[in-house]
């Protein structure tokens, strides 16, 4: 059986931080899955992330930098 959902323990919740195609800059084009180009994707969050981490900025345990690597 395959389930396409995120399961978290009771008392917790999950929310997306950033999704494929989300704009990265003020001039980023609207995401159109059927019309992606290299130019448009270069201004949007990528696809197929193989690394994601929040690295502390040293100020406290609630702030830091979201670091990711994606192939597309």
Protein backbone atom coordinates (compact mmCIF):
# COMPACT_ATOMS: atom_id res chain seq x y z
CA UNK A 1 0.00 0.00 0.00
CA UNK A 2 1.28 3.48 -0.89
CA UNK A 3 0.25 6.58 1.05
CA UNK A 4 0.99 10.02 -0.37
CA UNK A 5 0.93 11.98 2.86
CA UNK A 6 3.18 13.19 5.65
CA UNK A 7 2.58 11.56 9.02
CA UNK A 8 3.69 13.30 12.20
CA UNK A 9 3.26 12.38 15.87
CA UNK A 10 0.18 13.56 17.72
CA UNK A 11 0.61 17.11 18.99
CA UNK A 12 2.86 18.14 16.07
CA UNK A 13 2.11 19.56 12.64
CA UNK A 14 3.99 20.11 9.39
CA UNK A 15 3.85 22.97 6.94
CA UNK A 16 5.80 23.44 3.70
CA UNK A 17 8.61 25.99 3.91
CA UNK A 18 9.12 26.33 0.18
CA UNK A 19 7.81 24.39 -2.84
CA UNK A 20 9.01 23.65 -6.34
CA UNK A 21 8.40 26.75 -8.43
CA UNK A 22 8.02 29.20 -5.55
CA UNK A 23 9.51 32.56 -6.52
CA UNK A 24 12.97 33.44 -5.24
CA UNK A 25 13.08 37.05 -6.44
CA UNK A 26 10.67 39.95 -7.02
CA UNK A 27 10.95 39.45 -10.79
CA UNK A 28 10.44 35.66 -10.72
CA UNK A 29 7.88 34.49 -13.27
CA UNK A 30 4.73 32.64 -12.25
CA UNK A 31 5.28 28.89 -12.04
CA UNK A 32 3.82 27.02 -15.01
CA UNK A 33 4.63 23.32 -14.86
CA UNK A 34 3.97 22.81 -18.60
CA UNK A 35 6.04 25.83 -19.66
CA UNK A 36 9.23 25.65 -17.63
CA UNK A 37 12.40 27.01 -19.17
CA UNK A 38 15.92 27.19 -17.81
CA UNK A 39 15.54 30.94 -17.46
CA UNK A 40 12.26 30.80 -15.54
CA UNK A 41 13.47 27.95 -13.29
CA UNK A 42 16.63 29.90 -12.42
CA UNK A 43 14.41 32.35 -10.53
CA UNK A 44 12.25 29.72 -8.82
CA UNK A 45 12.93 27.14 -6.15
CA UNK A 46 14.19 23.94 -7.74
CA UNK A 47 13.13 20.33 -7.95
CA UNK A 48 14.52 17.03 -6.67
CA UNK A 49 16.18 18.32 -3.51
CA UNK A 50 18.84 15.94 -2.27
CA UNK A 51 19.93 18.01 0.75
CA UNK A 52 17.98 20.24 3.11
CA UNK A 53 19.14 21.61 6.44
CA UNK A 54 18.62 24.53 8.78
CA UNK A 55 21.99 25.80 9.94
CA UNK A 56 22.07 27.93 13.09
CA UNK A 57 23.08 31.54 12.76
CA UNK A 58 24.46 31.38 16.30
CA UNK A 59 21.93 33.80 17.80
CA UNK A 60 19.42 31.34 19.25
CA UNK A 61 17.77 28.01 18.49
CA UNK A 62 14.91 29.57 16.49
CA UNK A 63 16.78 31.37 13.71
CA UNK A 64 19.16 30.23 11.04
CA UNK A 65 19.71 29.65 7.36
CA UNK A 66 17.75 27.24 5.20
CA UNK A 67 20.30 25.50 2.98
CA UNK A 68 19.32 23.25 0.10
CA UNK A 69 20.78 21.57 -2.93
CA UNK A 70 18.62 20.55 -5.84
CA UNK A 71 19.34 18.98 -9.20
CA UNK A 72 16.80 20.85 -11.33
